[in-house]
Protein backbone atom coordinates (compact mmCIF):
# COMPACT_ATOMS: atom_id res chain seq x y z
CA UNK A 1 1.56 1.22 21.21
CA UNK A 2 0.77 3.16 18.00
CA UNK A 3 -2.80 3.29 16.78
CA UNK A 4 -3.59 0.81 14.00
CA UNK A 5 -4.03 2.07 10.43
CA UNK A 6 -1.96 5.21 10.86
CA UNK A 7 -0.09 5.32 7.56
CA UNK A 8 3.49 6.54 7.31
CA UNK A 9 6.30 6.47 4.74
CA UNK A 10 3.92 7.17 1.84
CA UNK A 11 5.21 7.22 -1.72
CA UNK A 12 3.43 7.51 -5.05
CA UNK A 13 4.42 5.22 -7.92
CA UNK A 14 2.35 6.25 -10.91
CA UNK A 15 -1.28 6.20 -9.74
CA UNK A 16 -0.49 3.76 -6.88
CA UNK A 17 0.19 4.88 -3.31
CA UNK A 18 2.45 2.68 -1.19
CA UNK A 19 2.39 3.08 2.59
CA UNK A 20 3.37 1.32 5.80
CA UNK A 21 1.31 0.97 8.97
CA UNK A 22 1.10 -0.96 12.22
CA UNK A 23 -1.79 -3.40 12.49
CA UNK A 24 -3.79 -4.01 15.66
CA UNK A 25 -1.17 -6.46 16.96
CA UNK A 26 1.74 -4.06 16.47
CA UNK A 27 3.13 -5.73 13.34
CA UNK A 28 4.34 -3.57 10.48
CA UNK A 29 2.37 -4.11 7.26
CA UNK A 30 2.70 -2.50 3.85
CA UNK A 31 -0.03 -1.69 1.38
CA UNK A 32 -0.31 -0.58 -2.23
CA UNK A 33 -3.55 0.99 -3.49
CA UNK A 34 -4.41 2.53 -6.85
CA UNK A 35 -5.90 6.03 -6.74
CA UNK A 36 -7.46 5.93 -10.23
CA UNK A 37 -11.26 6.21 -10.29
CA UNK A 38 -13.07 2.85 -10.37
CA UNK A 39 -9.85 0.80 -10.35
CA UNK A 40 -10.20 -0.98 -7.00
CA UNK A 41 -6.63 -2.36 -6.90
CA UNK A 42 -5.17 -2.78 -3.42
CA UNK A 43 -2.82 -5.29 -1.84
CA UNK A 44 -1.33 -5.89 1.59
CA UNK A 45 2.17 -7.30 2.05
CA UNK A 46 4.50 -8.33 4.83
CA UNK A 47 7.49 -6.49 3.38
CA UNK A 48 7.94 -3.11 1.73
CA UNK A 49 9.70 -4.37 -1.40
CA UNK A 50 6.75 -6.60 -2.32
CA UNK A 51 4.32 -3.69 -2.00
CA UNK A 52 6.54 -1.49 -4.18
CA UNK A 53 6.87 -4.25 -6.78
CA UNK A 54 3.09 -4.61 -6.90
CA UNK A 55 2.79 -0.85 -7.42
CA UNK A 56 5.39 -0.81 -10.22
CA UNK A 57 3.79 -3.71 -12.13
CA UNK A 58 0.14 -2.63 -11.70
CA UNK A 59 -1.72 -1.69 -14.85
CA UNK A 60 -5.20 -0.22 -14.54
CA UNK A 61 -7.87 -2.06 -16.49
CA UNK A 62 -10.27 0.87 -16.42
């Protein structure tokens, strides 16, 4: 079984990175996290399209 939190299939949409990973139970999860300083935006989703939509619609408030 793959190690948890090993990210793969990374893409960058603006300042937001979208990646997939396997959680501790072997399920595939998808995350979107903003790389801008002091932003703090991150989300976890069950499907890739939701994570990419969150990345495309994110606007930094910093």
